[in-house]
Amino acid sequence: MKFYGDPYGYPTVGWGHLITKTKTYTKNTSGNPNTSLLTQAEANALSSSLNLGYTSPISQSKANTFFTEDTAKAVTAVNKLKLNFSQSQFDALVSPTFNGGPGVLETNDVKAMLAYKQIYPTFSGPLSANEIDTCSKLVSKAFSYDRKLQRRRIEEATLFCKGRQYTHKYPVYTL
């Protein structure tokens, strides 16, 4: 796997492993479909300047190691909430926490969603039409925080609703 610039231009490798926030790269406009890939010269210079101990491309094994280490931090942050999530809800929250850091869980929209008892699988009884609508709105808002990753945020919101009485009927960024 080769080094690439994330949506903000920060050098990244594997499945979103941030190499550093001290340098950004602009997209290559050469017509190459992999426009976010760093050139080999850029990757070599970055490896050398940061004394990384690895160069681009990295092995599948190294990518897996980075992914395991990086997601562990997000899993820990979601676990610290000490709330009763379904597996889908847990996974949906780990993803944006991995992308944006634990501060994502402290945003007002995420806090509002987590404070609504009807969101959880432990809520028993039917939901009224108003409660279903409220759940959908809260989920939509909670997953609307990074427009550059909009498709991913929509997928996470949909995953969060999986198996629940409510659905993700409001697309993220529409409320």
N, C-alpha and C. Protein backbone atom coordinates (compact mmCIF):
# COMPACT_ATOMS: atom_id res chain seq x y z
N MET A 1 0.84 -1.17 0.00
CA MET A 1 0.00 0.00 0.00
C MET A 1 0.89 1.24 0.00
N LYS A 2 0.54 2.16 -0.87
CA LYS A 2 1.35 3.36 -1.03
C LYS A 2 0.86 4.50 -0.15
N PHE A 3 1.76 5.44 0.15
CA PHE A 3 1.40 6.64 0.90
C PHE A 3 0.44 7.47 0.05
N TYR A 4 -0.50 8.12 0.71
CA TYR A 4 -1.45 8.98 0.00
C TYR A 4 -1.82 10.14 0.90
N GLY A 5 -2.41 11.16 0.31
CA GLY A 5 -2.90 12.29 1.07
C GLY A 5 -4.35 12.03 1.44
N ASP A 6 -4.69 12.20 2.73
CA ASP A 6 -6.09 12.03 3.14
C ASP A 6 -6.91 13.20 2.60
N PRO A 7 -8.20 13.30 2.90
CA PRO A 7 -9.00 14.40 2.34
C PRO A 7 -8.48 15.79 2.67
N TYR A 8 -7.64 15.91 3.69
CA TYR A 8 -7.06 17.20 4.05
C TYR A 8 -5.62 17.36 3.57
N GLY A 9 -5.11 16.33 2.88
CA GLY A 9 -3.76 16.39 2.35
C GLY A 9 -2.69 15.83 3.27
N TYR A 10 -3.07 15.36 4.45
CA TYR A 10 -2.08 14.80 5.37
C TYR A 10 -1.63 13.43 4.88
N PRO A 11 -0.32 13.16 4.93
CA PRO A 11 0.18 11.87 4.45
C PRO A 11 -0.33 10.73 5.32
N THR A 12 -0.84 9.72 4.64
CA THR A 12 -1.53 8.60 5.26
C THR A 12 -1.11 7.33 4.54
N VAL A 13 -1.30 6.19 5.19
CA VAL A 13 -0.99 4.91 4.57
C VAL A 13 -1.95 3.87 5.12
N GLY A 14 -2.14 2.81 4.37
CA GLY A 14 -3.02 1.73 4.82
C GLY A 14 -4.47 2.18 4.83
N TRP A 15 -5.18 1.84 5.90
CA TRP A 15 -6.59 2.20 6.04
C TRP A 15 -6.73 3.40 6.96
N GLY A 16 -6.13 4.51 6.54
CA GLY A 16 -6.29 5.75 7.29
C GLY A 16 -5.27 5.97 8.38
N HIS A 17 -4.13 5.31 8.33
CA HIS A 17 -3.09 5.55 9.34
C HIS A 17 -2.38 6.86 9.02
N LEU A 18 -2.59 7.85 9.87
CA LEU A 18 -1.98 9.16 9.70
C LEU A 18 -0.48 9.07 9.97
N ILE A 19 0.31 9.49 9.00
CA ILE A 19 1.76 9.46 9.18
C ILE A 19 2.21 10.68 9.97
N THR A 20 1.74 11.87 9.56
CA THR A 20 2.08 13.09 10.28
C THR A 20 1.11 14.20 9.89
N LYS A 21 0.94 15.15 10.79
CA LYS A 21 0.15 16.34 10.49
C LYS A 21 1.05 17.56 10.29
N THR A 22 2.33 17.31 10.05
CA THR A 22 3.25 18.42 9.88
C THR A 22 3.45 18.80 8.41
N LYS A 23 2.89 18.03 7.51
CA LYS A 23 3.05 18.31 6.09
C LYS A 23 1.78 17.94 5.36
N THR A 24 1.44 18.70 4.35
CA THR A 24 0.30 18.35 3.52
C THR A 24 0.75 18.26 2.07
N TYR A 25 -0.02 17.53 1.30
CA TYR A 25 0.26 17.33 -0.11
C TYR A 25 -0.96 17.73 -0.92
N THR A 26 -0.71 18.34 -2.05
CA THR A 26 -1.82 18.68 -2.94
C THR A 26 -2.04 17.53 -3.89
N LYS A 27 -3.25 17.42 -4.39
CA LYS A 27 -3.57 16.32 -5.29
C LYS A 27 -2.83 16.48 -6.61
N ASN A 28 -2.40 15.37 -7.13
CA ASN A 28 -1.74 15.31 -8.42
C ASN A 28 -2.81 15.48 -9.50
N THR A 29 -2.63 16.40 -10.39
CA THR A 29 -3.64 16.64 -11.44
C THR A 29 -3.18 16.10 -12.79
N SER A 30 -2.39 15.07 -12.77
CA SER A 30 -1.83 14.52 -14.01
C SER A 30 -2.81 13.67 -14.79
N GLY A 31 -4.03 13.51 -14.27
CA GLY A 31 -4.99 12.63 -14.93
C GLY A 31 -4.96 11.22 -14.38
N ASN A 32 -4.05 10.96 -13.47
CA ASN A 32 -3.96 9.66 -12.83
C ASN A 32 -5.18 9.46 -11.94
N PRO A 33 -5.87 8.32 -12.03
CA PRO A 33 -7.05 8.10 -11.19
C PRO A 33 -6.71 8.03 -9.70
N ASN A 34 -5.48 7.71 -9.37
CA ASN A 34 -5.03 7.68 -7.97
C ASN A 34 -4.45 9.04 -7.60
N THR A 35 -5.24 10.08 -7.76
CA THR A 35 -4.74 11.45 -7.62
C THR A 35 -4.26 11.79 -6.23
N SER A 36 -4.61 11.02 -5.23
CA SER A 36 -4.17 11.36 -3.89
C SER A 36 -2.87 10.65 -3.50
N LEU A 37 -2.34 9.79 -4.38
CA LEU A 37 -1.10 9.09 -4.06
C LEU A 37 0.09 10.05 -4.09
N LEU A 38 0.99 9.91 -3.12
CA LEU A 38 2.22 10.67 -3.14
C LEU A 38 3.14 10.03 -4.18
N THR A 39 3.93 10.86 -4.83
CA THR A 39 4.91 10.30 -5.75
C THR A 39 5.93 9.52 -4.94
N GLN A 40 6.67 8.65 -5.61
CA GLN A 40 7.69 7.87 -4.89
C GLN A 40 8.73 8.80 -4.29
N ALA A 41 9.09 9.88 -4.99
CA ALA A 41 10.07 10.82 -4.45
C ALA A 41 9.53 11.50 -3.19
N GLU A 42 8.25 11.91 -3.19
CA GLU A 42 7.64 12.51 -2.00
C GLU A 42 7.60 11.53 -0.85
N ALA A 43 7.23 10.28 -1.15
CA ALA A 43 7.16 9.25 -0.11
C ALA A 43 8.53 8.98 0.48
N ASN A 44 9.55 8.89 -0.39
CA ASN A 44 10.92 8.64 0.10
C ASN A 44 11.40 9.79 0.97
N ALA A 45 11.13 11.03 0.53
CA ALA A 45 11.55 12.20 1.30
C ALA A 45 10.84 12.24 2.65
N LEU A 46 9.57 11.91 2.67
CA LEU A 46 8.82 11.89 3.92
C LEU A 46 9.37 10.83 4.86
N SER A 47 9.60 9.62 4.35
CA SER A 47 10.15 8.53 5.18
C SER A 47 11.48 8.94 5.78
N SER A 48 12.32 9.56 4.96
CA SER A 48 13.64 9.98 5.41
C SER A 48 13.55 11.11 6.45
N SER A 49 12.75 12.14 6.15
CA SER A 49 12.68 13.30 7.05
C SER A 49 12.09 12.95 8.41
N LEU A 50 11.20 11.97 8.46
CA LEU A 50 10.57 11.58 9.73
C LEU A 50 11.24 10.36 10.36
N ASN A 51 12.23 9.81 9.66
CA ASN A 51 12.93 8.62 10.15
C ASN A 51 11.92 7.53 10.52
N LEU A 52 11.02 7.22 9.58
CA LEU A 52 9.91 6.31 9.84
C LEU A 52 10.30 4.86 10.07
N GLY A 53 11.34 4.42 9.45
CA GLY A 53 11.70 3.02 9.56
C GLY A 53 10.94 2.15 8.57
N TYR A 54 10.13 2.76 7.74
CA TYR A 54 9.43 2.07 6.66
C TYR A 54 9.26 3.05 5.52
N THR A 55 9.08 2.52 4.33
CA THR A 55 8.92 3.36 3.16
C THR A 55 7.65 2.94 2.41
N SER A 56 7.31 3.72 1.44
CA SER A 56 6.14 3.41 0.61
C SER A 56 6.60 2.56 -0.57
N PRO A 57 5.89 1.52 -0.93
CA PRO A 57 4.67 1.01 -0.30
C PRO A 57 4.99 0.21 0.95
N ILE A 58 3.96 0.02 1.79
CA ILE A 58 4.12 -0.83 2.97
C ILE A 58 3.47 -2.18 2.69
N SER A 59 3.84 -3.17 3.48
CA SER A 59 3.28 -4.51 3.31
C SER A 59 1.87 -4.58 3.87
N GLN A 60 1.14 -5.60 3.45
CA GLN A 60 -0.20 -5.84 3.98
C GLN A 60 -0.12 -6.06 5.50
N SER A 61 0.91 -6.75 5.94
CA SER A 61 1.09 -7.02 7.37
C SER A 61 1.26 -5.72 8.16
N LYS A 62 2.05 -4.78 7.63
CA LYS A 62 2.26 -3.50 8.29
C LYS A 62 0.96 -2.70 8.31
N ALA A 63 0.21 -2.73 7.22
CA ALA A 63 -1.07 -2.04 7.16
C ALA A 63 -2.03 -2.61 8.21
N ASN A 64 -2.05 -3.94 8.34
CA ASN A 64 -2.90 -4.59 9.34
C ASN A 64 -2.50 -4.18 10.76
N THR A 65 -1.20 -4.11 11.01
CA THR A 65 -0.71 -3.70 12.33
C THR A 65 -1.14 -2.28 12.65
N PHE A 66 -0.95 -1.37 11.69
CA PHE A 66 -1.38 0.02 11.90
C PHE A 66 -2.88 0.08 12.19
N PHE A 67 -3.67 -0.66 11.41
CA PHE A 67 -5.12 -0.63 11.57
C PHE A 67 -5.53 -1.11 12.95
N THR A 68 -4.93 -2.19 13.40
CA THR A 68 -5.24 -2.75 14.72
C THR A 68 -4.89 -1.74 15.82
N GLU A 69 -3.71 -1.14 15.71
CA GLU A 69 -3.28 -0.16 16.72
C GLU A 69 -4.17 1.08 16.70
N ASP A 70 -4.47 1.59 15.52
CA ASP A 70 -5.25 2.82 15.40
C ASP A 70 -6.70 2.62 15.85
N THR A 71 -7.30 1.51 15.49
CA THR A 71 -8.69 1.29 15.87
C THR A 71 -8.82 0.98 17.36
N ALA A 72 -7.77 0.47 17.97
CA ALA A 72 -7.81 0.17 19.40
C ALA A 72 -8.09 1.45 20.19
N LYS A 73 -7.52 2.56 19.78
CA LYS A 73 -7.75 3.84 20.47
C LYS A 73 -9.22 4.25 20.35
N ALA A 74 -9.79 4.06 19.18
CA ALA A 74 -11.20 4.42 18.96
C ALA A 74 -12.11 3.50 19.75
N VAL A 75 -11.80 2.21 19.76
CA VAL A 75 -12.60 1.23 20.52
C VAL A 75 -12.58 1.61 22.00
N THR A 76 -11.43 1.95 22.52
CA THR A 76 -11.30 2.35 23.93
C THR A 76 -12.16 3.58 24.22
N ALA A 77 -12.11 4.56 23.33
CA ALA A 77 -12.90 5.79 23.53
C ALA A 77 -14.40 5.50 23.56
N VAL A 78 -14.88 4.65 22.66
CA VAL A 78 -16.31 4.31 22.63
C VAL A 78 -16.66 3.48 23.88
N ASN A 79 -15.79 2.57 24.27
CA ASN A 79 -16.04 1.77 25.48
C ASN A 79 -16.13 2.65 26.73
N LYS A 80 -15.36 3.74 26.76
CA LYS A 80 -15.38 4.64 27.92
C LYS A 80 -16.73 5.31 28.12
N LEU A 81 -17.56 5.32 27.09
CA LEU A 81 -18.90 5.90 27.23
C LEU A 81 -19.77 5.07 28.18
N LYS A 82 -19.43 3.78 28.32
CA LYS A 82 -20.15 2.86 29.20
C LYS A 82 -21.65 2.88 28.94
N LEU A 83 -22.01 2.78 27.66
CA LEU A 83 -23.41 2.74 27.26
C LEU A 83 -23.71 1.39 26.62
N ASN A 84 -24.96 1.04 26.56
CA ASN A 84 -25.39 -0.26 26.07
C ASN A 84 -25.70 -0.19 24.57
N PHE A 85 -24.70 -0.38 23.74
CA PHE A 85 -24.87 -0.32 22.29
C PHE A 85 -25.10 -1.71 21.71
N SER A 86 -25.80 -1.75 20.59
CA SER A 86 -25.80 -2.97 19.79
C SER A 86 -24.43 -3.03 19.11
N GLN A 87 -24.07 -4.18 18.54
CA GLN A 87 -22.78 -4.28 17.85
C GLN A 87 -22.72 -3.29 16.69
N SER A 88 -23.83 -3.14 15.95
CA SER A 88 -23.86 -2.20 14.82
C SER A 88 -23.66 -0.76 15.28
N GLN A 89 -24.30 -0.40 16.39
CA GLN A 89 -24.14 0.96 16.91
C GLN A 89 -22.69 1.19 17.35
N PHE A 90 -22.13 0.21 18.03
CA PHE A 90 -20.75 0.31 18.48
C PHE A 90 -19.81 0.50 17.30
N ASP A 91 -19.94 -0.36 16.29
CA ASP A 91 -19.08 -0.28 15.10
C ASP A 91 -19.25 1.05 14.39
N ALA A 92 -20.50 1.53 14.30
CA ALA A 92 -20.76 2.81 13.62
C ALA A 92 -20.12 3.97 14.36
N LEU A 93 -20.02 3.91 15.67
CA LEU A 93 -19.38 4.98 16.43
C LEU A 93 -17.85 4.88 16.42
N VAL A 94 -17.33 3.67 16.33
CA VAL A 94 -15.87 3.50 16.30
C VAL A 94 -15.30 4.14 15.03
N SER A 95 -15.99 4.01 13.91
CA SER A 95 -15.47 4.52 12.65
C SER A 95 -15.21 6.03 12.66
N PRO A 96 -16.19 6.88 13.02
CA PRO A 96 -15.88 8.32 13.04
C PRO A 96 -14.91 8.68 14.15
N THR A 97 -14.89 7.90 15.23
CA THR A 97 -13.93 8.15 16.31
C THR A 97 -12.51 7.86 15.81
N PHE A 98 -12.37 6.81 15.00
CA PHE A 98 -11.10 6.50 14.37
C PHE A 98 -10.68 7.63 13.43
N ASN A 99 -11.62 8.11 12.62
CA ASN A 99 -11.31 9.18 11.65
C ASN A 99 -11.05 10.53 12.30
N GLY A 100 -11.86 10.89 13.30
CA GLY A 100 -11.79 12.23 13.85
C GLY A 100 -11.25 12.35 15.26
N GLY A 101 -10.95 11.24 15.89
CA GLY A 101 -10.45 11.26 17.25
C GLY A 101 -11.59 11.23 18.26
N PRO A 102 -11.26 11.00 19.53
CA PRO A 102 -12.26 10.87 20.58
C PRO A 102 -13.12 12.11 20.77
N GLY A 103 -12.64 13.26 20.35
CA GLY A 103 -13.42 14.50 20.46
C GLY A 103 -14.74 14.44 19.71
N VAL A 104 -14.82 13.57 18.70
CA VAL A 104 -16.06 13.39 17.95
C VAL A 104 -17.19 13.00 18.90
N LEU A 105 -16.87 12.20 19.89
CA LEU A 105 -17.86 11.72 20.84
C LEU A 105 -18.33 12.81 21.80
N GLU A 106 -17.62 13.92 21.81
CA GLU A 106 -17.95 15.04 22.71
C GLU A 106 -18.72 16.15 22.01
N THR A 107 -19.03 15.98 20.74
CA THR A 107 -19.78 17.03 20.04
C THR A 107 -21.21 17.06 20.56
N ASN A 108 -21.83 18.23 20.48
CA ASN A 108 -23.19 18.38 20.98
C ASN A 108 -24.17 17.43 20.30
N ASP A 109 -24.01 17.23 18.99
CA ASP A 109 -24.93 16.36 18.27
C ASP A 109 -24.80 14.90 18.69
N VAL A 110 -23.57 14.45 18.91
CA VAL A 110 -23.38 13.06 19.36
C VAL A 110 -23.90 12.93 20.80
N LYS A 111 -23.61 13.90 21.64
CA LYS A 111 -24.11 13.85 23.02
C LYS A 111 -25.63 13.80 23.05
N ALA A 112 -26.28 14.60 22.20
CA ALA A 112 -27.76 14.61 22.17
C ALA A 112 -28.28 13.24 21.74
N MET A 113 -27.64 12.64 20.74
CA MET A 113 -28.08 11.31 20.30
C MET A 113 -27.91 10.29 21.43
N LEU A 114 -26.77 10.33 22.09
CA LEU A 114 -26.48 9.35 23.14
C LEU A 114 -27.35 9.55 24.38
N ALA A 115 -27.88 10.74 24.56
CA ALA A 115 -28.73 11.02 25.72
C ALA A 115 -30.17 10.57 25.52
N TYR A 116 -30.54 10.23 24.30
CA TYR A 116 -31.92 9.86 24.00
C TYR A 116 -32.11 8.36 24.22
N LYS A 117 -32.83 7.99 25.27
CA LYS A 117 -32.93 6.58 25.69
C LYS A 117 -33.55 5.66 24.63
N GLN A 118 -34.37 6.22 23.75
CA GLN A 118 -35.02 5.40 22.73
C GLN A 118 -34.04 4.91 21.65
N ILE A 119 -32.84 5.45 21.65
CA ILE A 119 -31.80 5.08 20.68
C ILE A 119 -31.28 3.65 20.94
N TYR A 120 -31.28 3.24 22.19
CA TYR A 120 -30.58 2.02 22.58
C TYR A 120 -31.39 0.75 22.41
N PRO A 121 -30.70 -0.38 22.20
CA PRO A 121 -31.40 -1.66 22.07
C PRO A 121 -32.08 -2.10 23.37
N THR A 122 -31.68 -1.51 24.49
CA THR A 122 -32.29 -1.87 25.77
C THR A 122 -33.65 -1.20 25.97
N PHE A 123 -34.00 -0.24 25.11
CA PHE A 123 -35.31 0.39 25.22
C PHE A 123 -36.36 -0.62 24.83
N SER A 124 -37.34 -0.81 25.71
CA SER A 124 -38.38 -1.79 25.40
C SER A 124 -39.69 -1.07 25.08
N GLY A 125 -40.44 -1.72 24.26
CA GLY A 125 -41.72 -1.15 23.87
C GLY A 125 -41.64 -0.51 22.51
N PRO A 126 -42.81 -0.27 21.95
CA PRO A 126 -42.83 0.36 20.63
C PRO A 126 -42.45 1.84 20.72
N LEU A 127 -41.96 2.34 19.63
CA LEU A 127 -41.67 3.77 19.52
C LEU A 127 -42.82 4.44 18.80
N SER A 128 -43.19 5.61 19.27
CA SER A 128 -44.21 6.38 18.57
C SER A 128 -43.62 6.92 17.28
N ALA A 129 -44.46 7.37 16.39
CA ALA A 129 -43.98 7.96 15.13
C ALA A 129 -43.08 9.15 15.41
N ASN A 130 -43.41 9.93 16.41
CA ASN A 130 -42.60 11.09 16.78
C ASN A 130 -41.23 10.65 17.31
N GLU A 131 -41.20 9.59 18.12
CA GLU A 131 -39.93 9.09 18.65
C GLU A 131 -39.05 8.51 17.53
N ILE A 132 -39.66 7.82 16.60
CA ILE A 132 -38.91 7.28 15.46
C ILE A 132 -38.29 8.43 14.66
N ASP A 133 -39.07 9.47 14.43
CA ASP A 133 -38.56 10.63 13.69
C ASP A 133 -37.43 11.31 14.46
N THR A 134 -37.60 11.42 15.77
CA THR A 134 -36.55 12.04 16.60
C THR A 134 -35.27 11.22 16.54
N CYS A 135 -35.39 9.90 16.65
CA CYS A 135 -34.20 9.04 16.55
C CYS A 135 -33.48 9.27 15.22
N SER A 136 -34.22 9.29 14.14
CA SER A 136 -33.63 9.48 12.81
C SER A 136 -32.92 10.83 12.71
N LYS A 137 -33.54 11.87 13.22
CA LYS A 137 -32.93 13.21 13.18
C LYS A 137 -31.65 13.25 14.02
N LEU A 138 -31.71 12.67 15.21
CA LEU A 138 -30.54 12.67 16.09
C LEU A 138 -29.37 11.92 15.45
N VAL A 139 -29.66 10.78 14.84
CA VAL A 139 -28.60 10.01 14.18
C VAL A 139 -28.03 10.82 13.02
N SER A 140 -28.90 11.42 12.22
CA SER A 140 -28.45 12.22 11.08
C SER A 140 -27.50 13.33 11.52
N LYS A 141 -27.89 14.05 12.54
CA LYS A 141 -27.05 15.16 13.03
C LYS A 141 -25.75 14.66 13.62
N ALA A 142 -25.81 13.57 14.38
CA ALA A 142 -24.61 13.06 15.04
C ALA A 142 -23.54 12.62 14.05
N PHE A 143 -23.96 12.12 12.89
CA PHE A 143 -22.99 11.65 11.90
C PHE A 143 -22.68 12.70 10.83
N SER A 144 -23.10 13.93 11.06
CA SER A 144 -22.86 15.03 10.11
C SER A 144 -21.76 15.94 10.62
N TYR A 145 -20.52 15.51 10.52
CA TYR A 145 -19.47 16.40 11.01
C TYR A 145 -18.27 16.53 10.08
N ASP A 146 -18.21 15.81 9.00
CA ASP A 146 -17.05 15.91 8.12
C ASP A 146 -17.50 15.71 6.67
N ARG A 147 -17.77 16.82 5.98
CA ARG A 147 -18.29 16.76 4.61
C ARG A 147 -17.35 16.03 3.65
N LYS A 148 -16.06 16.06 3.91
CA LYS A 148 -15.13 15.39 3.00
C LYS A 148 -15.26 13.87 3.06
N LEU A 149 -15.93 13.38 4.08
CA LEU A 149 -16.15 11.94 4.22
C LEU A 149 -17.65 11.65 4.28
N GLN A 150 -18.42 12.39 3.50
CA GLN A 150 -19.88 12.29 3.56
C GLN A 150 -20.40 10.89 3.27
N ARG A 151 -19.91 10.25 2.23
CA ARG A 151 -20.37 8.90 1.91
C ARG A 151 -20.15 7.95 3.08
N ARG A 152 -19.00 8.05 3.72
CA ARG A 152 -18.69 7.20 4.87
C ARG A 152 -19.61 7.52 6.04
N ARG A 153 -19.88 8.80 6.27
CA ARG A 153 -20.78 9.18 7.38
C ARG A 153 -22.19 8.63 7.15
N ILE A 154 -22.66 8.64 5.91
CA ILE A 154 -23.98 8.09 5.59
C ILE A 154 -24.00 6.59 5.89
N GLU A 155 -22.95 5.89 5.50
CA GLU A 155 -22.86 4.45 5.76
C GLU A 155 -22.86 4.15 7.26
N GLU A 156 -22.15 4.99 8.03
CA GLU A 156 -22.10 4.80 9.48
C GLU A 156 -23.47 5.04 10.12
N ALA A 157 -24.16 6.08 9.67
CA ALA A 157 -25.49 6.38 10.22
C ALA A 157 -26.45 5.23 9.91
N THR A 158 -26.35 4.69 8.71
CA THR A 158 -27.19 3.56 8.33
C THR A 158 -26.86 2.34 9.20
N LEU A 159 -25.58 2.08 9.41
CA LEU A 159 -25.16 0.97 10.27
C LEU A 159 -25.65 1.18 11.70
N PHE A 160 -25.59 2.41 12.19
CA PHE A 160 -26.03 2.70 13.54
C PHE A 160 -27.50 2.30 13.75
N CYS A 161 -28.31 2.45 12.71
CA CYS A 161 -29.75 2.15 12.78
C CYS A 161 -30.09 0.68 12.53
N LYS A 162 -29.13 -0.09 12.10
CA LYS A 162 -29.38 -1.50 11.73
C LYS A 162 -30.03 -2.27 12.89
N GLY A 163 -31.15 -2.91 12.55
CA GLY A 163 -31.84 -3.73 13.53
C GLY A 163 -32.67 -2.95 14.54
N ARG A 164 -32.74 -1.65 14.41
CA ARG A 164 -33.51 -0.81 15.34
C ARG A 164 -34.91 -0.57 14.78
N GLN A 165 -35.79 -0.03 15.60
CA GLN A 165 -37.14 0.31 15.16
C GLN A 165 -37.15 1.55 14.27
N TYR A 166 -36.11 2.34 14.36
CA TYR A 166 -36.00 3.56 13.55
C TYR A 166 -35.04 3.31 12.40
N THR A 167 -35.09 4.15 11.40
CA THR A 167 -34.18 4.06 10.26
C THR A 167 -33.44 5.38 10.11
N HIS A 168 -32.54 5.39 9.18
CA HIS A 168 -31.81 6.62 8.89
C HIS A 168 -32.46 7.28 7.68
N LYS A 169 -33.64 7.86 7.89
CA LYS A 169 -34.38 8.42 6.76
C LYS A 169 -33.90 9.80 6.35
N TYR A 170 -33.22 10.50 7.24
CA TYR A 170 -32.68 11.82 6.90
C TYR A 170 -31.20 11.67 6.54
N PRO A 171 -30.82 12.00 5.33
CA PRO A 171 -29.39 11.93 5.00
C PRO A 171 -28.58 12.89 5.86
N VAL A 172 -27.34 12.53 6.14
CA VAL A 172 -26.49 13.43 6.90
C VAL A 172 -26.36 14.74 6.14
N TYR A 173 -26.15 15.81 6.87
CA TYR A 173 -25.98 17.17 6.36
C TYR A 173 -27.26 17.80 5.81
N THR A 174 -28.43 17.21 6.06
CA THR A 174 -29.66 17.81 5.51
C THR A 174 -30.45 18.54 6.58
N LEU A 175 -30.10 18.40 7.84
CA LEU A 175 -30.87 19.04 8.92
C LEU A 175 -30.14 20.22 9.48
